[in-house]
Amino acid sequence: MTTTWNGDETVNGPLLLELSPFENLAELVAMPLAFNNEEGRQIREHVRSISVVGDFGVGTELAQRAYSRGTGVPFEWLPANST
């Protein structure tokens, strides 16, 4: 999944970029993938990576890394119809 980030069009966009705790804004966009809930599981079935493109360049985050960072559990890809 690719997201385009235009900081000039968001409320306080440049300030948000400056204050973000993430060096890679793809980590921010990938946060829903990091949760061990039904919504996160459903998203991870279809999204393998997230790229954010903006004035700052390009940032990428793998769903696997987001999940592992959020839960502390190693993530293994499962077939789409697995539970």
PDB file of N, CA and C in Angstrom:
ATOM      1  N   MET A   1       0.839  -1.144   0.000  1.00  0.00           N
ATOM      2  CA  MET A   1       0.000   0.000   0.000  1.00  0.00           C
ATOM      3  C   MET A   1       0.900   1.227   0.000  1.00  0.00           C
ATOM      4  N   THR A   2       0.555   2.224  -0.805  1.00  0.00           N
ATOM      5  CA  THR A   2       1.325   3.461  -0.858  1.00  0.00           C
ATOM      6  C   THR A   2       0.449   4.625  -0.430  1.00  0.00           C
ATOM      7  N   THR A   3       0.973   5.455   0.441  1.00  0.00           N
ATOM      8  CA  THR A   3       0.289   6.651   0.911  1.00  0.00           C
ATOM      9  C   THR A   3       1.115   7.856   0.513  1.00  0.00           C
ATOM     10  N   THR A   4       0.453   8.893   0.006  1.00  0.00           N
ATOM     11  CA  THR A   4       1.144  10.137  -0.325  1.00  0.00           C
ATOM     12  C   THR A   4       0.922  11.116   0.812  1.00  0.00           C
ATOM     13  N   TRP A   5       2.005  11.649   1.341  1.00  0.00           N
ATOM     14  CA  TRP A   5       1.937  12.584   2.464  1.00  0.00           C
ATOM     15  C   TRP A   5       2.281  13.968   1.944  1.00  0.00           C
ATOM     16  N   ASN A   6       1.327  14.877   2.008  1.00  0.00           N
ATOM     17  CA  ASN A   6       1.565  16.259   1.629  1.00  0.00           C
ATOM     18  C   ASN A   6       1.384  17.098   2.879  1.00  0.00           C
ATOM     19  N   GLY A   7       2.473  17.375   3.564  1.00  0.00           N
ATOM     20  CA  GLY A   7       2.429  18.096   4.822  1.00  0.00           C
ATOM     21  C   GLY A   7       1.858  19.491   4.711  1.00  0.00           C
ATOM     22  N   ASP A   8       1.962  20.110   3.534  1.00  0.00           N
ATOM     23  CA  ASP A   8       1.434  21.462   3.362  1.00  0.00           C
ATOM     24  C   ASP A   8      -0.084  21.485   3.396  1.00  0.00           C
ATOM     25  N   GLU A   9      -0.736  20.372   3.073  1.00  0.00           N
ATOM     26  CA  GLU A   9      -2.192  20.342   3.006  1.00  0.00           C
ATOM     27  C   GLU A   9      -2.848  19.835   4.285  1.00  0.00           C
ATOM     28  N   THR A  10      -2.056  19.407   5.243  1.00  0.00           N
ATOM     29  CA  THR A  10      -2.630  18.944   6.504  1.00  0.00           C
ATOM     30  C   THR A  10      -2.521  20.054   7.534  1.00  0.00           C
ATOM     31  N   VAL A  11      -3.345  19.986   8.540  1.00  0.00           N
ATOM     32  CA  VAL A  11      -3.285  20.974   9.605  1.00  0.00           C
ATOM     33  C   VAL A  11      -1.929  20.858  10.285  1.00  0.00           C
ATOM     34  N   ASN A  12      -1.162  21.927  10.298  1.00  0.00           N
ATOM     35  CA  ASN A  12       0.168  21.945  10.908  1.00  0.00           C
ATOM     36  C   ASN A  12       1.044  20.810  10.391  1.00  0.00           C
ATOM     37  N   GLY A  13       0.939  20.513   9.101  1.00  0.00           N
ATOM     38  CA  GLY A  13       1.701  19.420   8.504  1.00  0.00           C
ATOM     39  C   GLY A  13       3.188  19.464   8.795  1.00  0.00           C
ATOM     40  N   PRO A  14       3.871  20.604   8.539  1.00  0.00           N
ATOM     41  CA  PRO A  14       5.312  20.654   8.829  1.00  0.00           C
ATOM     42  C   PRO A  14       5.616  20.438  10.311  1.00  0.00           C
ATOM     43  N   LEU A  15       4.762  20.952  11.181  1.00  0.00           N
ATOM     44  CA  LEU A  15       4.971  20.764  12.617  1.00  0.00           C
ATOM     45  C   LEU A  15       4.805  19.298  12.996  1.00  0.00           C
ATOM     46  N   LEU A  16       3.798  18.640  12.426  1.00  0.00           N
ATOM     47  CA  LEU A  16       3.585  17.221  12.703  1.00  0.00           C
ATOM     48  C   LEU A  16       4.804  16.400  12.296  1.00  0.00           C
ATOM     49  N   LEU A  17       5.369  16.703  11.130  1.00  0.00           N
ATOM     50  CA  LEU A  17       6.566  15.986  10.691  1.00  0.00           C
ATOM     51  C   LEU A  17       7.728  16.210  11.652  1.00  0.00           C
ATOM     52  N   GLU A  18       7.860  17.430  12.143  1.00  0.00           N
ATOM     53  CA  GLU A  18       8.956  17.755  13.041  1.00  0.00           C
ATOM     54  C   GLU A  18       8.804  17.080  14.402  1.00  0.00           C
ATOM     55  N   LEU A  19       7.570  16.975  14.895  1.00  0.00           N
ATOM     56  CA  LEU A  19       7.325  16.426  16.225  1.00  0.00           C
ATOM     57  C   LEU A  19       7.081  14.922  16.245  1.00  0.00           C
ATOM     58  N   SER A  20       6.964  14.311  15.085  1.00  0.00           N
ATOM     59  CA  SER A  20       6.680  12.884  15.025  1.00  0.00           C
ATOM     60  C   SER A  20       7.792  12.085  15.704  1.00  0.00           C
ATOM     61  N   PRO A  21       7.434  11.115  16.550  1.00  0.00           N
ATOM     62  CA  PRO A  21       8.452  10.276  17.173  1.00  0.00           C
ATOM     63  C   PRO A  21       9.067   9.266  16.183  1.00  0.00           C
ATOM     64  N   PHE A  22       8.510   9.191  14.992  1.00  0.00           N
ATOM     65  CA  PHE A  22       8.972   8.233  13.998  1.00  0.00           C
ATOM     66  C   PHE A  22       9.894   8.908  12.997  1.00  0.00           C
ATOM     67  N   GLU A  23      11.057   8.330  12.766  1.00  0.00           N
ATOM     68  CA  GLU A  23      11.927   8.826  11.707  1.00  0.00           C
ATOM     69  C   GLU A  23      11.355   8.461  10.348  1.00  0.00           C
ATOM     70  N   ASN A  24      10.630   7.383  10.293  1.00  0.00           N
ATOM     71  CA  ASN A  24      10.036   6.870   9.069  1.00  0.00           C
ATOM     72  C   ASN A  24       8.518   6.970   9.245  1.00  0.00           C
ATOM     73  N   LEU A  25       7.861   7.870   8.506  1.00  0.00           N
ATOM     74  CA  LEU A  25       6.425   8.059   8.700  1.00  0.00           C
ATOM     75  C   LEU A  25       5.608   6.841   8.295  1.00  0.00           C
ATOM     76  N   ALA A  26       6.206   5.906   7.573  1.00  0.00           N
ATOM     77  CA  ALA A  26       5.495   4.663   7.268  1.00  0.00           C
ATOM     78  C   ALA A  26       5.200   3.892   8.555  1.00  0.00           C
ATOM     79  N   GLU A  27       6.043   4.052   9.578  1.00  0.00           N
ATOM     80  CA  GLU A  27       5.779   3.405  10.864  1.00  0.00           C
ATOM     81  C   GLU A  27       4.493   3.948  11.476  1.00  0.00           C
ATOM     82  N   LEU A  28       4.243   5.242  11.334  1.00  0.00           N
ATOM     83  CA  LEU A  28       3.017   5.845  11.846  1.00  0.00           C
ATOM     84  C   LEU A  28       1.794   5.317  11.102  1.00  0.00           C
ATOM     85  N   VAL A  29       1.874   5.280   9.781  1.00  0.00           N
ATOM     86  CA  VAL A  29       0.753   4.810   8.970  1.00  0.00           C
ATOM     87  C   VAL A  29       0.508   3.315   9.195  1.00  0.00           C
ATOM     88  N   ALA A  30       1.561   2.566   9.514  1.00  0.00           N
ATOM     89  CA  ALA A  30       1.450   1.110   9.703  1.00  0.00           C
ATOM     90  C   ALA A  30       0.957   0.719  11.092  1.00  0.00           C
ATOM     91  N   MET A  31       0.707   1.661  11.971  1.00  0.00           N
ATOM     92  CA  MET A  31       0.319   1.314  13.344  1.00  0.00           C
ATOM     93  C   MET A  31      -0.874   0.362  13.432  1.00  0.00           C
ATOM     94  N   PRO A  32      -1.932   0.496  12.606  1.00  0.00           N
ATOM     95  CA  PRO A  32      -3.034  -0.474  12.712  1.00  0.00           C
ATOM     96  C   PRO A  32      -2.598  -1.920  12.452  1.00  0.00           C
ATOM     97  N   LEU A  33      -1.508  -2.110  11.727  1.00  0.00           N
ATOM     98  CA  LEU A  33      -1.004  -3.462  11.466  1.00  0.00           C
ATOM     99  C   LEU A  33      -0.346  -4.067  12.696  1.00  0.00           C
ATOM    100  N   ALA A  34       0.020  -3.228  13.647  1.00  0.00           N
ATOM    101  CA  ALA A  34       0.771  -3.684  14.813  1.00  0.00           C
ATOM    102  C   ALA A  34      -0.113  -4.274  15.901  1.00  0.00           C
ATOM    103  N   PHE A  35      -1.420  -4.115  15.793  1.00  0.00           N
ATOM    104  CA  PHE A  35      -2.301  -4.569  16.854  1.00  0.00           C
ATOM    105  C   PHE A  35      -2.710  -6.022  16.657  1.00  0.00           C
ATOM    106  N   ASN A  36      -2.803  -6.731  17.766  1.00  0.00           N
ATOM    107  CA  ASN A  36      -3.172  -8.137  17.751  1.00  0.00           C
ATOM    108  C   ASN A  36      -4.678  -8.252  17.984  1.00  0.00           C
ATOM    109  N   ASN A  37      -5.448  -7.653  17.065  1.00  0.00           N
ATOM    110  CA  ASN A  37      -6.906  -7.718  17.155  1.00  0.00           C
ATOM    111  C   ASN A  37      -7.457  -8.132  15.788  1.00  0.00           C
ATOM    112  N   GLU A  38      -8.753  -8.268  15.691  1.00  0.00           N
ATOM    113  CA  GLU A  38      -9.375  -8.741  14.448  1.00  0.00           C
ATOM    114  C   GLU A  38      -9.106  -7.797  13.286  1.00  0.00           C
ATOM    115  N   GLU A  39      -9.198  -6.490  13.528  1.00  0.00           N
ATOM    116  CA  GLU A  39      -8.962  -5.523  12.457  1.00  0.00           C
ATOM    117  C   GLU A  39      -7.526  -5.611  11.944  1.00  0.00           C
ATOM    118  N   GLY A  40      -6.576  -5.671  12.873  1.00  0.00           N
ATOM    119  CA  GLY A  40      -5.175  -5.792  12.480  1.00  0.00           C
ATOM    120  C   GLY A  40      -4.913  -7.065  11.697  1.00  0.00           C
ATOM    121  N   ARG A  41      -5.505  -8.165  12.146  1.00  0.00           N
ATOM    122  CA  ARG A  41      -5.331  -9.445  11.443  1.00  0.00           C
ATOM    123  C   ARG A  41      -5.875  -9.355  10.024  1.00  0.00           C
ATOM    124  N   GLN A  42      -7.060  -8.762   9.866  1.00  0.00           N
ATOM    125  CA  GLN A  42      -7.651  -8.657   8.531  1.00  0.00           C
ATOM    126  C   GLN A  42      -6.810  -7.783   7.607  1.00  0.00           C
ATOM    127  N   ILE A  43      -6.283  -6.701   8.128  1.00  0.00           N
ATOM    128  CA  ILE A  43      -5.439  -5.825   7.303  1.00  0.00           C
ATOM    129  C   ILE A  43      -4.161  -6.560   6.913  1.00  0.00           C
ATOM    130  N   ARG A  44      -3.533  -7.255   7.871  1.00  0.00           N
ATOM    131  CA  ARG A  44      -2.278  -7.972   7.577  1.00  0.00           C
ATOM    132  C   ARG A  44      -2.460  -9.059   6.533  1.00  0.00           C
ATOM    133  N   GLU A  45      -3.675  -9.594   6.389  1.00  0.00           N
ATOM    134  CA  GLU A  45      -3.920 -10.607   5.364  1.00  0.00           C
ATOM    135  C   GLU A  45      -3.751 -10.034   3.965  1.00  0.00           C
ATOM    136  N   HIS A  46      -3.952  -8.731   3.812  1.00  0.00           N
ATOM    137  CA  HIS A  46      -3.957  -8.118   2.485  1.00  0.00           C
ATOM    138  C   HIS A  46      -2.831  -7.123   2.247  1.00  0.00           C
ATOM    139  N   VAL A  47      -2.243  -6.588   3.295  1.00  0.00           N
ATOM    140  CA  VAL A  47      -1.200  -5.572   3.147  1.00  0.00           C
ATOM    141  C   VAL A  47       0.114  -6.155   3.643  1.00  0.00           C
ATOM    142  N   ARG A  48       1.097  -6.208   2.778  1.00  0.00           N
ATOM    143  CA  ARG A  48       2.415  -6.751   3.161  1.00  0.00           C
ATOM    144  C   ARG A  48       3.390  -5.652   3.552  1.00  0.00           C
ATOM    145  N   SER A  49       3.238  -4.467   2.950  1.00  0.00           N
ATOM    146  CA  SER A  49       4.113  -3.349   3.290  1.00  0.00           C
ATOM    147  C   SER A  49       3.383  -2.041   3.023  1.00  0.00           C
ATOM    148  N   ILE A  50       3.868  -0.994   3.669  1.00  0.00           N
ATOM    149  CA  ILE A  50       3.314   0.334   3.493  1.00  0.00           C
ATOM    150  C   ILE A  50       4.461   1.258   3.108  1.00  0.00           C
ATOM    151  N   SER A  51       4.243   2.049   2.082  1.00  0.00           N
ATOM    152  CA  SER A  51       5.205   3.063   1.671  1.00  0.00           C
ATOM    153  C   SER A  51       4.536   4.423   1.798  1.00  0.00           C
ATOM    154  N   VAL A  52       5.279   5.386   2.311  1.00  0.00           N
ATOM    155  CA  VAL A  52       4.796   6.761   2.417  1.00  0.00           C
ATOM    156  C   VAL A  52       5.721   7.622   1.576  1.00  0.00           C
ATOM    157  N   VAL A  53       5.131   8.379   0.667  1.00  0.00           N
ATOM    158  CA  VAL A  53       5.884   9.232  -0.243  1.00  0.00           C
ATOM    159  C   VAL A  53       5.531  10.676   0.079  1.00  0.00           C
ATOM    160  N   GLY A  54       6.543  11.521   0.223  1.00  0.00           N
ATOM    161  CA  GLY A  54       6.293  12.925   0.508  1.00  0.00           C
ATOM    162  C   GLY A  54       7.512  13.765   0.215  1.00  0.00           C
ATOM    163  N   ASP A  55       7.446  15.032   0.603  1.00  0.00           N
ATOM    164  CA  ASP A  55       8.563  15.953   0.382  1.00  0.00           C
ATOM    165  C   ASP A  55       9.839  15.478   1.060  1.00  0.00           C
ATOM    166  N   PHE A  56       9.710  14.699   2.120  1.00  0.00           N
ATOM    167  CA  PHE A  56      10.844  14.195   2.890  1.00  0.00           C
ATOM    168  C   PHE A  56      11.512  12.999   2.227  1.00  0.00           C
ATOM    169  N   GLY A  57      10.888  12.427   1.202  1.00  0.00           N
ATOM    170  CA  GLY A  57      11.407  11.240   0.534  1.00  0.00           C
ATOM    171  C   GLY A  57      10.409  10.105   0.628  1.00  0.00           C
ATOM    172  N   VAL A  58      10.926   8.899   0.714  1.00  0.00           N
ATOM    173  CA  VAL A  58      10.089   7.708   0.760  1.00  0.00           C
ATOM    174  C   VAL A  58      10.426   6.926   2.024  1.00  0.00           C
ATOM    175  N   GLY A  59       9.396   6.457   2.717  1.00  0.00           N
ATOM    176  CA  GLY A  59       9.592   5.584   3.869  1.00  0.00           C
ATOM    177  C   GLY A  59       8.800   4.316   3.651  1.00  0.00           C
ATOM    178  N   THR A  60       9.333   3.192   4.101  1.00  0.00           N
ATOM    179  CA  THR A  60       8.656   1.909   3.924  1.00  0.00           C
ATOM    180  C   THR A  60       8.677   1.143   5.244  1.00  0.00           C
ATOM    181  N   GLU A  61       7.589   0.447   5.506  1.00  0.00           N
ATOM    182  CA  GLU A  61       7.491  -0.402   6.694  1.00  0.00           C
ATOM    183  C   GLU A  61       6.810  -1.707   6.295  1.00  0.00           C
ATOM    184  N   LEU A  62       7.385  -2.818   6.693  1.00  0.00           N
ATOM    185  CA  LEU A  62       6.775  -4.118   6.446  1.00  0.00           C
ATOM    186  C   LEU A  62       5.730  -4.410   7.516  1.00  0.00           C
ATOM    187  N   ALA A  63       4.635  -5.024   7.114  1.00  0.00           N
ATOM    188  CA  ALA A  63       3.595  -5.406   8.073  1.00  0.00           C
ATOM    189  C   ALA A  63       4.191  -6.317   9.139  1.00  0.00           C
ATOM    190  N   GLN A  64       5.089  -7.183   8.749  1.00  0.00           N
ATOM    191  CA  GLN A  64       5.727  -8.115   9.668  1.00  0.00           C
ATOM    192  C   GLN A  64       6.483  -7.361  10.766  1.00  0.00           C
ATOM    193  N   ARG A  65       7.247  -6.331  10.377  1.00  0.00           N
ATOM    194  CA  ARG A  65       7.989  -5.547  11.373  1.00  0.00           C
ATOM    195  C   ARG A  65       7.051  -4.785  12.295  1.00  0.00           C
ATOM    196  N   ALA A  66       5.995  -4.187  11.725  1.00  0.00           N
ATOM    197  CA  ALA A  66       5.045  -3.428  12.537  1.00  0.00           C
ATOM    198  C   ALA A  66       4.403  -4.331  13.584  1.00  0.00           C
ATOM    199  N   TYR A  67       3.983  -5.514  13.173  1.00  0.00           N
ATOM    200  CA  TYR A  67       3.351  -6.469  14.094  1.00  0.00           C
ATOM    201  C   TYR A  67       4.331  -6.893  15.187  1.00  0.00           C
ATOM    202  N   SER A  68       5.530  -7.252  14.800  1.00  0.00           N
ATOM    203  CA  SER A  68       6.528  -7.709  15.778  1.00  0.00           C
ATOM    204  C   SER A  68       6.902  -6.601  16.754  1.00  0.00           C
ATOM    205  N   ARG A  69       7.033  -5.376  16.269  1.00  0.00           N
ATOM    206  CA  ARG A  69       7.365  -4.252  17.132  1.00  0.00           C
ATOM    207  C   ARG A  69       6.211  -3.954  18.094  1.00  0.00           C
ATOM    208  N   GLY A  70       4.978  -4.055  17.622  1.00  0.00           N
ATOM    209  CA  GLY A  70       3.822  -3.737  18.448  1.00  0.00           C
ATOM    210  C   GLY A  70       3.485  -4.794  19.482  1.00  0.00           C
ATOM    211  N   THR A  71       3.730  -6.056  19.158  1.00  0.00           N
ATOM    212  CA  THR A  71       3.327  -7.145  20.052  1.00  0.00           C
ATOM    213  C   THR A  71       4.498  -7.860  20.715  1.00  0.00           C
ATOM    214  N   GLY A  72       5.688  -7.719  20.149  1.00  0.00           N
ATOM    215  CA  GLY A  72       6.842  -8.447  20.658  1.00  0.00           C
ATOM    216  C   GLY A  72       6.863  -9.903  20.216  1.00  0.00           C
ATOM    217  N   VAL A  73       5.935 -10.276  19.353  1.00  0.00           N
ATOM    218  CA  VAL A  73       5.806 -11.653  18.886  1.00  0.00           C
ATOM    219  C   VAL A  73       6.327 -11.747  17.452  1.00  0.00           C
ATOM    220  N   PRO A  74       7.190 -12.728  17.165  1.00  0.00           N
ATOM    221  CA  PRO A  74       7.600 -12.911  15.769  1.00  0.00           C
ATOM    222  C   PRO A  74       6.377 -13.204  14.906  1.00  0.00           C
ATOM    223  N   PHE A  75       6.353 -12.641  13.731  1.00  0.00           N
ATOM    224  CA  PHE A  75       5.197 -12.775  12.850  1.00  0.00           C
ATOM    225  C   PHE A  75       5.558 -13.662  11.680  1.00  0.00           C
ATOM    226  N   GLU A  76       4.693 -14.636  11.383  1.00  0.00           N
ATOM    227  CA  GLU A  76       4.861 -15.468  10.208  1.00  0.00           C
ATOM    228  C   GLU A  76       3.641 -15.290   9.335  1.00  0.00           C
ATOM    229  N   TRP A  77       3.865 -15.145   8.040  1.00  0.00           N
ATOM    230  CA  TRP A  77       2.745 -14.955   7.120  1.00  0.00           C
ATOM    231  C   TRP A  77       1.874 -16.195   7.109  1.00  0.00           C
ATOM    232  N   LEU A  78       0.597 -15.987   7.108  1.00  0.00           N
ATOM    233  CA  LEU A  78      -0.370 -17.073   7.040  1.00  0.00           C
ATOM    234  C   LEU A  78      -1.175 -16.952   5.750  1.00  0.00           C
ATOM    235  N   PRO A  79      -1.637 -18.061   5.205  1.00  0.00           N
ATOM    236  CA  PRO A  79      -2.527 -17.960   4.044  1.00  0.00           C
ATOM    237  C   PRO A  79      -3.746 -17.130   4.398  1.00  0.00           C
ATOM    238  N   ALA A  80      -4.319 -16.470   3.413  1.00  0.00           N
ATOM    239  CA  ALA A  80      -5.445 -15.549   3.639  1.00  0.00           C
ATOM    240  C   ALA A  80      -6.622 -16.209   4.338  1.00  0.00           C
ATOM    241  N   ASN A  81      -6.832 -17.511   4.137  1.00  0.00           N
ATOM    242  CA  ASN A  81      -7.986 -18.163   4.753  1.00  0.00           C
ATOM    243  C   ASN A  81      -7.648 -18.862   6.065  1.00  0.00           C
ATOM    244  N   SER A  82      -6.454 -18.625   6.614  1.00  0.00           N
ATOM    245  CA  SER A  82      -6.088 -19.221   7.909  1.00  0.00           C
ATOM    246  C   SER A  82      -6.637 -18.373   9.036  1.00  0.00           C
ATOM    247  N   THR A  83      -6.803 -18.994  10.187  1.00  0.00           N
ATOM    248  CA  THR A  83      -7.247 -18.247  11.367  1.00  0.00           C
ATOM    249  C   THR A  83      -6.179 -18.256  12.421  1.00  0.00           C
TER     250      THR A  83
END
